[in-house]
C-alpha cells in the first residue's frame, strides 16, 4: 500500500511540475510557438536598403525538435554576411531563447526564462504588436538589439523577426537598414544592376584602351628617335598594359562595392 501511495504521489508531483513548466511560459513566448499554424510558406525572402541594394535570403523554420515543441529558425543571405539563427526551447530552464547572429563564430546570446522586454549583457529582446515597412505591415514582431560594443557576438546591430513571416528587417553595424521587399522589387533591382554593370564594364574597358593607346603612341615616337631602345620600349609597353588592367579592375570593383565615388582613387 505504501509503495502504491509513493508511486501515485510521484506521478502527481511530476504532473504538477510539468504543468508548472508549461504555465511558466510567458504569453509572448507561447505566441511565438503557436505561430506554426500561420507561418509563411516562403523559403526564399528578400531585403533591400534605401539605395536598392538587394539581397536574397533562405529561411527555414522548424517548430518541433527531437519530438518536443520548440522553434528553430534560420535565415542566411546569399550576398551579405547576414546569418541568423533563433532557437526557442520551452522546456529548458522554464523557457529559453538562444540567438546566433555571426557567421563562422560559435557564439550565442542566451536568454533564460525571458520576460519581455528582456536584457542580457546589453542585448535586448522585446515584442512589438506591429512594424510598418513601406506599404506593408507585419504583426507580432520580436525585436533583437545588440550592445554598441563592437566585440559582441553579432555582426549586425539589430533584427526584427515576424512570428508569421520570418526576418522582416535587419540593421547593419553602420546603421544601414535592410527591409523586406517583394520578389519583383528584387528582380527589378537585379536587372537594373546587370545593365549598370555592363555599362561600367564598357567604361572601364574604354578607359583602359585610351591609356594603352596614348602611351603606346608615345613609346612608338620614342623608338623612332632611337633604334637601340627596343627592350626598354617592350618593358614600358608591359607596364602600360598592367596599369590599364589595374585601373579597369579598380573601376569595376568600385562599382561592385556600391561606391562609385571610390573611382577617384583609381589614379586614372
C-alpha atoms as a PDB file:
ATOM      1  CA  UNK A   1       0.000   0.000   0.000  1.00  0.00           C
ATOM      2  CA  UNK A   2       2.846   2.331   0.907  1.00  0.00           C
ATOM      3  CA  UNK A   3       4.574   1.663  -2.421  1.00  0.00           C
ATOM      4  CA  UNK A   4       1.354   2.375  -4.289  1.00  0.00           C
ATOM      5  CA  UNK A   5       0.925   5.662  -2.386  1.00  0.00           C
ATOM      6  CA  UNK A   6       4.508   6.736  -3.138  1.00  0.00           C
ATOM      7  CA  UNK A   7       4.116   5.868  -6.812  1.00  0.00           C
ATOM      8  CA  UNK A   8       0.863   7.790  -7.030  1.00  0.00           C
ATOM      9  CA  UNK A   9       2.402  10.774  -5.200  1.00  0.00           C
ATOM     10  CA  UNK A  10       5.422  10.733  -7.504  1.00  0.00           C
ATOM     11  CA  UNK A  11       3.206  10.656 -10.574  1.00  0.00           C
ATOM     12  CA  UNK A  12       1.144  13.565  -9.237  1.00  0.00           C
ATOM     13  CA  UNK A  13       4.281  15.552  -8.438  1.00  0.00           C
ATOM     14  CA  UNK A  14       5.653  15.016 -11.938  1.00  0.00           C
ATOM     15  CA  UNK A  15       2.341  16.067 -13.459  1.00  0.00           C
ATOM     16  CA  UNK A  16       2.236  19.201 -11.334  1.00  0.00           C
ATOM     17  CA  UNK A  17       5.837  20.004 -12.203  1.00  0.00           C
ATOM     18  CA  UNK A  18       5.101  19.556 -15.892  1.00  0.00           C
ATOM     19  CA  UNK A  19       2.066  21.824 -15.692  1.00  0.00           C
ATOM     20  CA  UNK A  20       4.031  24.464 -13.812  1.00  0.00           C
ATOM     21  CA  UNK A  21       6.711  24.373 -16.523  1.00  0.00           C
ATOM     22  CA  UNK A  22       4.127  24.970 -19.196  1.00  0.00           C
ATOM     23  CA  UNK A  23       2.408  27.716 -17.205  1.00  0.00           C
ATOM     24  CA  UNK A  24       5.767  29.470 -16.655  1.00  0.00           C
ATOM     25  CA  UNK A  25       5.994  30.307 -20.362  1.00  0.00           C
ATOM     26  CA  UNK A  26       5.226  33.959 -20.978  1.00  0.00           C
ATOM     27  CA  UNK A  27       2.412  34.894 -23.318  1.00  0.00           C
ATOM     28  CA  UNK A  28       4.915  36.258 -25.852  1.00  0.00           C
ATOM     29  CA  UNK A  29       6.949  33.044 -25.939  1.00  0.00           C
ATOM     30  CA  UNK A  30       3.800  30.956 -26.304  1.00  0.00           C
ATOM     31  CA  UNK A  31       2.701  33.225 -29.158  1.00  0.00           C
ATOM     32  CA  UNK A  32       5.994  32.543 -30.939  1.00  0.00           C
ATOM     33  CA  UNK A  33       5.488  28.795 -30.676  1.00  0.00           C
ATOM     34  CA  UNK A  34       1.844  28.962 -31.746  1.00  0.00           C
ATOM     35  CA  UNK A  35       2.897  30.735 -34.963  1.00  0.00           C
ATOM     36  CA  UNK A  36       3.418  27.349 -36.627  1.00  0.00           C
ATOM     37  CA  UNK A  37      -0.230  27.384 -37.699  1.00  0.00           C
ATOM     38  CA  UNK A  38       0.194  30.505 -39.826  1.00  0.00           C
ATOM     39  CA  UNK A  39       3.910  30.755 -40.593  1.00  0.00           C
ATOM     40  CA  UNK A  40       4.909  31.900 -44.081  1.00  0.00           C
ATOM     41  CA  UNK A  41       5.486  29.209 -46.690  1.00  0.00           C
ATOM     42  CA  UNK A  42       8.228  31.354 -48.285  1.00  0.00           C
ATOM     43  CA  UNK A  43      11.583  29.587 -48.159  1.00  0.00           C
ATOM     44  CA  UNK A  44      13.233  32.497 -50.007  1.00  0.00           C
ATOM     45  CA  UNK A  45      12.827  36.124 -48.897  1.00  0.00           C
ATOM     46  CA  UNK A  46      14.364  39.433 -49.998  1.00  0.00           C
ATOM     47  CA  UNK A  47      15.791  42.500 -48.264  1.00  0.00           C
ATOM     48  CA  UNK A  48      16.718  45.887 -49.750  1.00  0.00           C
ATOM     49  CA  UNK A  49      18.227  49.125 -48.466  1.00  0.00           C
ATOM     50  CA  UNK A  50      17.288  52.692 -49.375  1.00  0.00           C
ATOM     51  CA  UNK A  51      19.549  52.738 -52.451  1.00  0.00           C
ATOM     52  CA  UNK A  52      18.143  49.415 -53.614  1.00  0.00           C
ATOM     53  CA  UNK A  53      20.995  47.124 -52.744  1.00  0.00           C
ATOM     54  CA  UNK A  54      19.103  43.843 -52.633  1.00  0.00           C
ATOM     55  CA  UNK A  55      19.866  40.524 -51.036  1.00  0.00           C
ATOM     56  CA  UNK A  56      18.261  37.093 -51.235  1.00  0.00           C
ATOM     57  CA  UNK A  57      17.879  35.016 -48.060  1.00  0.00           C
ATOM     58  CA  UNK A  58      16.873  31.432 -47.486  1.00  0.00           C
ATOM     59  CA  UNK A  59      14.744  30.881 -44.403  1.00  0.00           C
ATOM     60  CA  UNK A  60      13.719  27.672 -42.645  1.00  0.00           C
ATOM     61  CA  UNK A  61      11.505  27.303 -39.573  1.00  0.00           C
ATOM     62  CA  UNK A  62      11.026  24.080 -37.602  1.00  0.00           C
ATOM     63  CA  UNK A  63       8.508  24.082 -34.765  1.00  0.00           C
ATOM     64  CA  UNK A  64       9.438  20.708 -33.353  1.00  0.00           C
ATOM     65  CA  UNK A  65      12.833  19.427 -32.240  1.00  0.00           C
ATOM     66  CA  UNK A  66      13.550  15.892 -31.051  1.00  0.00           C
ATOM     67  CA  UNK A  67       9.799  15.235 -30.860  1.00  0.00           C
ATOM     68  CA  UNK A  68       9.352  18.191 -28.496  1.00  0.00           C
ATOM     69  CA  UNK A  69       7.635  21.507 -29.056  1.00  0.00           C
ATOM     70  CA  UNK A  70      10.104  24.254 -29.863  1.00  0.00           C
ATOM     71  CA  UNK A  71      11.291  26.584 -32.596  1.00  0.00           C
ATOM     72  CA  UNK A  72      14.437  26.586 -34.709  1.00  0.00           C
ATOM     73  CA  UNK A  73      14.598  29.362 -37.309  1.00  0.00           C
ATOM     74  CA  UNK A  74      17.473  30.183 -39.672  1.00  0.00           C
ATOM     75  CA  UNK A  75      17.919  32.971 -42.229  1.00  0.00           C
ATOM     76  CA  UNK A  76      21.061  33.092 -44.377  1.00  0.00           C
ATOM     77  CA  UNK A  77      21.823  35.672 -47.064  1.00  0.00           C
ATOM     78  CA  UNK A  78      23.271  34.915 -50.489  1.00  0.00           C
ATOM     79  CA  UNK A  79      25.326  38.126 -50.878  1.00  0.00           C
ATOM     80  CA  UNK A  80      25.852  39.770 -47.493  1.00  0.00           C
ATOM     81  CA  UNK A  81      27.028  38.316 -44.174  1.00  0.00           C
ATOM     82  CA  UNK A  82      23.532  38.060 -42.652  1.00  0.00           C
ATOM     83  CA  UNK A  83      23.384  34.687 -40.929  1.00  0.00           C
ATOM     84  CA  UNK A  84      20.797  34.454 -38.148  1.00  0.00           C
ATOM     85  CA  UNK A  85      19.583  31.528 -36.066  1.00  0.00           C
ATOM     86  CA  UNK A  86      16.813  31.823 -33.486  1.00  0.00           C
ATOM     87  CA  UNK A  87      16.017  28.934 -31.132  1.00  0.00           C
ATOM     88  CA  UNK A  88      13.182  28.714 -28.615  1.00  0.00           C
ATOM     89  CA  UNK A  89      13.210  25.911 -26.029  1.00  0.00           C
ATOM     90  CA  UNK A  90      10.016  25.973 -23.917  1.00  0.00           C
ATOM     91  CA  UNK A  91      11.107  23.110 -21.644  1.00  0.00           C
ATOM     92  CA  UNK A  92      14.645  24.291 -20.892  1.00  0.00           C
ATOM     93  CA  UNK A  93      15.058  26.416 -17.746  1.00  0.00           C
ATOM     94  CA  UNK A  94      11.379  27.307 -17.839  1.00  0.00           C
ATOM     95  CA  UNK A  95      11.679  28.595 -21.385  1.00  0.00           C
ATOM     96  CA  UNK A  96      14.854  29.795 -23.125  1.00  0.00           C
ATOM     97  CA  UNK A  97      15.766  31.725 -26.266  1.00  0.00           C
ATOM     98  CA  UNK A  98      19.152  31.365 -27.966  1.00  0.00           C
ATOM     99  CA  UNK A  99      20.294  33.661 -30.773  1.00  0.00           C
ATOM    100  CA  UNK A 100      23.239  33.152 -33.137  1.00  0.00           C
ATOM    101  CA  UNK A 101      23.943  36.075 -35.462  1.00  0.00           C
ATOM    102  CA  UNK A 102      27.581  35.954 -36.526  1.00  0.00           C
ATOM    103  CA  UNK A 103      28.783  33.595 -39.258  1.00  0.00           C
ATOM    104  CA  UNK A 104      31.783  31.368 -38.526  1.00  0.00           C
ATOM    105  CA  UNK A 105      31.666  32.132 -34.795  1.00  0.00           C
ATOM    106  CA  UNK A 106      30.464  29.590 -32.270  1.00  0.00           C
ATOM    107  CA  UNK A 107      28.895  32.224 -30.029  1.00  0.00           C
ATOM    108  CA  UNK A 108      25.297  32.698 -28.973  1.00  0.00           C
ATOM    109  CA  UNK A 109      23.218  35.109 -26.927  1.00  0.00           C
ATOM    110  CA  UNK A 110      21.246  33.295 -24.229  1.00  0.00           C
ATOM    111  CA  UNK A 111      18.027  34.453 -22.571  1.00  0.00           C
ATOM    112  CA  UNK A 112      16.783  32.185 -19.789  1.00  0.00           C
ATOM    113  CA  UNK A 113      13.125  32.465 -18.726  1.00  0.00           C
ATOM    114  CA  UNK A 114      12.854  35.792 -20.574  1.00  0.00           C
ATOM    115  CA  UNK A 115      10.100  38.209 -19.633  1.00  0.00           C
ATOM    116  CA  UNK A 116       9.860  40.777 -22.419  1.00  0.00           C
ATOM    117  CA  UNK A 117      11.345  43.299 -22.570  1.00  0.00           C
ATOM    118  CA  UNK A 118      14.391  41.193 -21.673  1.00  0.00           C
ATOM    119  CA  UNK A 119      18.021  42.264 -21.299  1.00  0.00           C
ATOM    120  CA  UNK A 120      21.148  40.117 -21.115  1.00  0.00           C
ATOM    121  CA  UNK A 121      24.662  41.649 -21.089  1.00  0.00           C
ATOM    122  CA  UNK A 122      23.490  44.589 -23.193  1.00  0.00           C
ATOM    123  CA  UNK A 123      21.467  42.513 -25.673  1.00  0.00           C
ATOM    124  CA  UNK A 124      17.736  43.229 -25.615  1.00  0.00           C
ATOM    125  CA  UNK A 125      14.581  41.424 -26.707  1.00  0.00           C
ATOM    126  CA  UNK A 126      11.161  42.987 -26.846  1.00  0.00           C
ATOM    127  CA  UNK A 127       7.862  42.283 -28.513  1.00  0.00           C
ATOM    128  CA  UNK A 128       6.073  44.751 -30.783  1.00  0.00           C
ATOM    129  CA  UNK A 129       2.486  44.470 -31.951  1.00  0.00           C
ATOM    130  CA  UNK A 130       3.382  45.509 -35.491  1.00  0.00           C
ATOM    131  CA  UNK A 131       6.019  47.043 -37.767  1.00  0.00           C
ATOM    132  CA  UNK A 132       5.241  49.048 -40.892  1.00  0.00           C
ATOM    133  CA  UNK A 133       7.657  48.741 -43.811  1.00  0.00           C
ATOM    134  CA  UNK A 134       6.797  50.741 -46.938  1.00  0.00           C
ATOM    135  CA  UNK A 135       3.271  49.665 -47.901  1.00  0.00           C
ATOM    136  CA  UNK A 136       3.283  46.502 -45.772  1.00  0.00           C
ATOM    137  CA  UNK A 137       2.535  45.978 -42.090  1.00  0.00           C
ATOM    138  CA  UNK A 138       3.897  42.941 -40.242  1.00  0.00           C
ATOM    139  CA  UNK A 139       2.387  41.793 -36.955  1.00  0.00           C
ATOM    140  CA  UNK A 140       3.786  40.191 -33.782  1.00  0.00           C
ATOM    141  CA  UNK A 141       7.407  41.276 -34.100  1.00  0.00           C
ATOM    142  CA  UNK A 142      10.341  40.152 -31.974  1.00  0.00           C
ATOM    143  CA  UNK A 143      12.958  42.946 -31.885  1.00  0.00           C
ATOM    144  CA  UNK A 144      16.547  41.950 -31.064  1.00  0.00           C
ATOM    145  CA  UNK A 145      19.207  44.618 -30.482  1.00  0.00           C
ATOM    146  CA  UNK A 146      22.910  44.307 -29.725  1.00  0.00           C
ATOM    147  CA  UNK A 147      25.096  46.479 -27.474  1.00  0.00           C
ATOM    148  CA  UNK A 148      27.318  49.160 -29.002  1.00  0.00           C
ATOM    149  CA  UNK A 149      30.429  47.100 -28.160  1.00  0.00           C
ATOM    150  CA  UNK A 150      31.953  46.061 -31.494  1.00  0.00           C
ATOM    151  CA  UNK A 151      33.280  42.817 -29.999  1.00  0.00           C
ATOM    152  CA  UNK A 152      29.802  41.436 -29.294  1.00  0.00           C
ATOM    153  CA  UNK A 153      28.627  38.097 -30.654  1.00  0.00           C
ATOM    154  CA  UNK A 154      26.790  39.600 -33.649  1.00  0.00           C
ATOM    155  CA  UNK A 155      27.898  41.202 -36.903  1.00  0.00           C
ATOM    156  CA  UNK A 156      24.667  43.221 -37.115  1.00  0.00           C
ATOM    157  CA  UNK A 157      23.107  45.895 -34.916  1.00  0.00           C
ATOM    158  CA  UNK A 158      19.534  44.578 -34.813  1.00  0.00           C
ATOM    159  CA  UNK A 159      16.998  42.334 -36.471  1.00  0.00           C
ATOM    160  CA  UNK A 160      13.211  42.135 -36.476  1.00  0.00           C
ATOM    161  CA  UNK A 161      11.594  38.720 -36.635  1.00  0.00           C
ATOM    162  CA  UNK A 162       7.916  38.465 -37.525  1.00  0.00           C
ATOM    163  CA  UNK A 163       6.490  35.324 -35.947  1.00  0.00           C
ATOM    164  CA  UNK A 164       4.331  34.778 -39.054  1.00  0.00           C
ATOM    165  CA  UNK A 165       6.822  35.967 -41.684  1.00  0.00           C
ATOM    166  CA  UNK A 166      10.411  35.420 -40.515  1.00  0.00           C
ATOM    167  CA  UNK A 167      13.005  38.202 -40.816  1.00  0.00           C
ATOM    168  CA  UNK A 168      11.416  41.473 -41.950  1.00  0.00           C
ATOM    169  CA  UNK A 169      14.203  43.950 -41.131  1.00  0.00           C
ATOM    170  CA  UNK A 170      17.939  43.938 -40.395  1.00  0.00           C
ATOM    171  CA  UNK A 171      20.068  46.900 -39.297  1.00  0.00           C
ATOM    172  CA  UNK A 172      23.782  46.656 -40.083  1.00  0.00           C
ATOM    173  CA  UNK A 173      26.617  47.746 -37.799  1.00  0.00           C
ATOM    174  CA  UNK A 174      26.898  51.069 -39.640  1.00  0.00           C
ATOM    175  CA  UNK A 175      23.158  51.770 -39.360  1.00  0.00           C
ATOM    176  CA  UNK A 176      22.057  50.774 -42.866  1.00  0.00           C
ATOM    177  CA  UNK A 177      18.528  49.349 -42.797  1.00  0.00           C
ATOM    178  CA  UNK A 178      17.602  46.379 -44.946  1.00  0.00           C
ATOM    179  CA  UNK A 179      13.844  45.925 -45.211  1.00  0.00           C
ATOM    180  CA  UNK A 180      11.707  43.083 -46.518  1.00  0.00           C
ATOM    181  CA  UNK A 181      10.690  43.552 -50.154  1.00  0.00           C
ATOM    182  CA  UNK A 182       8.820  41.517 -52.753  1.00  0.00           C
ATOM    183  CA  UNK A 183      10.376  39.191 -55.306  1.00  0.00           C
ATOM    184  CA  UNK A 184       9.540  41.721 -58.042  1.00  0.00           C
ATOM    185  CA  UNK A 185      11.499  44.501 -56.317  1.00  0.00           C
ATOM    186  CA  UNK A 186      14.464  42.133 -56.046  1.00  0.00           C
ATOM    187  CA  UNK A 187      14.240  41.059 -59.708  1.00  0.00           C
ATOM    188  CA  UNK A 188      13.878  44.657 -60.960  1.00  0.00           C
ATOM    189  CA  UNK A 189      16.890  45.738 -58.907  1.00  0.00           C
ATOM    190  CA  UNK A 190      18.992  42.822 -60.160  1.00  0.00           C
ATOM    191  CA  UNK A 191      18.076  43.612 -63.786  1.00  0.00           C
ATOM    192  CA  UNK A 192      18.980  47.260 -63.255  1.00  0.00           C
ATOM    193  CA  UNK A 193      22.296  46.344 -61.661  1.00  0.00           C
ATOM    194  CA  UNK A 194      23.086  43.968 -64.529  1.00  0.00           C
ATOM    195  CA  UNK A 195      22.634  46.844 -67.003  1.00  0.00           C
ATOM    196  CA  UNK A 196      24.712  49.149 -64.804  1.00  0.00           C
ATOM    197  CA  UNK A 197      27.467  46.529 -64.516  1.00  0.00           C
ATOM    198  CA  UNK A 198      27.591  46.185 -68.300  1.00  0.00           C
ATOM    199  CA  UNK A 199      27.848  49.980 -68.637  1.00  0.00           C
ATOM    200  CA  UNK A 200      30.614  50.198 -66.011  1.00  0.00           C
ATOM    201  CA  UNK A 201      32.497  47.347 -67.730  1.00  0.00           C
ATOM    202  CA  UNK A 202      32.252  49.252 -71.011  1.00  0.00           C
ATOM    203  CA  UNK A 203      33.532  52.483 -69.404  1.00  0.00           C
ATOM    204  CA  UNK A 204      36.361  50.633 -67.653  1.00  0.00           C
ATOM    205  CA  UNK A 205      37.434  48.982 -70.899  1.00  0.00           C
ATOM    206  CA  UNK A 206      37.275  52.311 -72.764  1.00  0.00           C
ATOM    207  CA  UNK A 207      39.482  53.993 -70.130  1.00  0.00           C
ATOM    208  CA  UNK A 208      41.975  51.112 -70.312  1.00  0.00           C
ATOM    209  CA  UNK A 209      42.071  51.246 -74.125  1.00  0.00           C
ATOM    210  CA  UNK A 210      42.669  55.013 -74.043  1.00  0.00           C
ATOM    211  CA  UNK A 211      45.585  54.606 -71.620  1.00  0.00           C
ATOM    212  CA  UNK A 212      47.144  51.907 -73.796  1.00  0.00           C
ATOM    213  CA  UNK A 213      46.672  53.917 -76.999  1.00  0.00           C
ATOM    214  CA  UNK A 214      48.087  57.155 -75.613  1.00  0.00           C
ATOM    215  CA  UNK A 215      51.141  55.536 -74.041  1.00  0.00           C
ATOM    216  CA  UNK A 216      51.808  53.218 -76.978  1.00  0.00           C
ATOM    217  CA  UNK A 217      51.901  56.182 -79.368  1.00  0.00           C
ATOM    218  CA  UNK A 218      54.366  57.964 -77.096  1.00  0.00           C
ATOM    219  CA  UNK A 219      56.541  54.866 -76.914  1.00  0.00           C
ATOM    220  CA  UNK A 220      56.450  54.447 -80.714  1.00  0.00           C
ATOM    221  CA  UNK A 221      57.554  58.045 -81.240  1.00  0.00           C
ATOM    222  CA  UNK A 222      60.497  57.486 -78.872  1.00  0.00           C
ATOM    223  CA  UNK A 223      61.548  54.302 -80.678  1.00  0.00           C
ATOM    224  CA  UNK A 224      61.737  56.158 -83.987  1.00  0.00           C
ATOM    225  CA  UNK A 225      64.311  58.507 -82.480  1.00  0.00           C
ATOM    226  CA  UNK A 226      66.486  55.727 -81.126  1.00  0.00           C
ATOM    227  CA  UNK A 227      66.523  52.256 -82.658  1.00  0.00           C
ATOM    228  CA  UNK A 228      68.597  50.855 -79.754  1.00  0.00           C
ATOM    229  CA  UNK A 229      65.920  51.082 -77.032  1.00  0.00           C
ATOM    230  CA  UNK A 230      63.531  48.350 -78.216  1.00  0.00           C
ATOM    231  CA  UNK A 231      63.976  46.350 -74.998  1.00  0.00           C
ATOM    232  CA  UNK A 232      63.097  49.361 -72.906  1.00  0.00           C
ATOM    233  CA  UNK A 233      60.062  50.003 -75.106  1.00  0.00           C
ATOM    234  CA  UNK A 234      58.852  46.422 -74.627  1.00  0.00           C
ATOM    235  CA  UNK A 235      59.253  46.798 -70.880  1.00  0.00           C
ATOM    236  CA  UNK A 236      57.307  50.059 -70.858  1.00  0.00           C
ATOM    237  CA  UNK A 237      54.594  48.529 -73.034  1.00  0.00           C
ATOM    238  CA  UNK A 238      54.039  45.760 -70.490  1.00  0.00           C
ATOM    239  CA  UNK A 239      53.900  48.327 -67.689  1.00  0.00           C
ATOM    240  CA  UNK A 240      51.269  50.237 -69.654  1.00  0.00           C
ATOM    241  CA  UNK A 241      49.189  47.089 -70.127  1.00  0.00           C
ATOM    242  CA  UNK A 242      49.438  46.250 -66.418  1.00  0.00           C
ATOM    243  CA  UNK A 243      48.450  49.799 -65.464  1.00  0.00           C
ATOM    244  CA  UNK A 244      45.449  49.758 -67.796  1.00  0.00           C
ATOM    245  CA  UNK A 245      44.310  46.405 -66.443  1.00  0.00           C
ATOM    246  CA  UNK A 246      44.716  47.619 -62.854  1.00  0.00           C
ATOM    247  CA  UNK A 247      42.662  50.760 -63.474  1.00  0.00           C
ATOM    248  CA  UNK A 248      39.970  48.768 -65.269  1.00  0.00           C
ATOM    249  CA  UNK A 249      39.639  46.402 -62.317  1.00  0.00           C
ATOM    250  CA  UNK A 250      39.666  49.320 -59.872  1.00  0.00           C
ATOM    251  CA  UNK A 251      36.687  50.944 -61.631  1.00  0.00           C
ATOM    252  CA  UNK A 252      34.741  47.670 -61.701  1.00  0.00           C
ATOM    253  CA  UNK A 253      35.484  46.955 -58.024  1.00  0.00           C
ATOM    254  CA  UNK A 254      34.402  50.458 -57.025  1.00  0.00           C
ATOM    255  CA  UNK A 255      31.040  49.815 -58.634  1.00  0.00           C
ATOM    256  CA  UNK A 256      30.693  46.337 -57.136  1.00  0.00           C
ATOM    257  CA  UNK A 257      31.291  47.745 -53.647  1.00  0.00           C
ATOM    258  CA  UNK A 258      28.500  50.270 -54.220  1.00  0.00           C
ATOM    259  CA  UNK A 259      30.828  53.277 -54.020  1.00  0.00           C
ATOM    260  CA  UNK A 260      31.249  54.992 -57.367  1.00  0.00           C
ATOM    261  CA  UNK A 261      32.967  57.871 -55.569  1.00  0.00           C
ATOM    262  CA  UNK A 262      35.845  55.424 -54.993  1.00  0.00           C
ATOM    263  CA  UNK A 263      36.660  55.676 -58.705  1.00  0.00           C
ATOM    264  CA  UNK A 264      38.598  58.865 -57.898  1.00  0.00           C
ATOM    265  CA  UNK A 265      41.127  56.619 -56.144  1.00  0.00           C
ATOM    266  CA  UNK A 266      41.812  54.616 -59.300  1.00  0.00           C
ATOM    267  CA  UNK A 267      44.615  57.005 -60.420  1.00  0.00           C
ATOM    268  CA  UNK A 268      43.213  57.497 -63.906  1.00  0.00           C
END
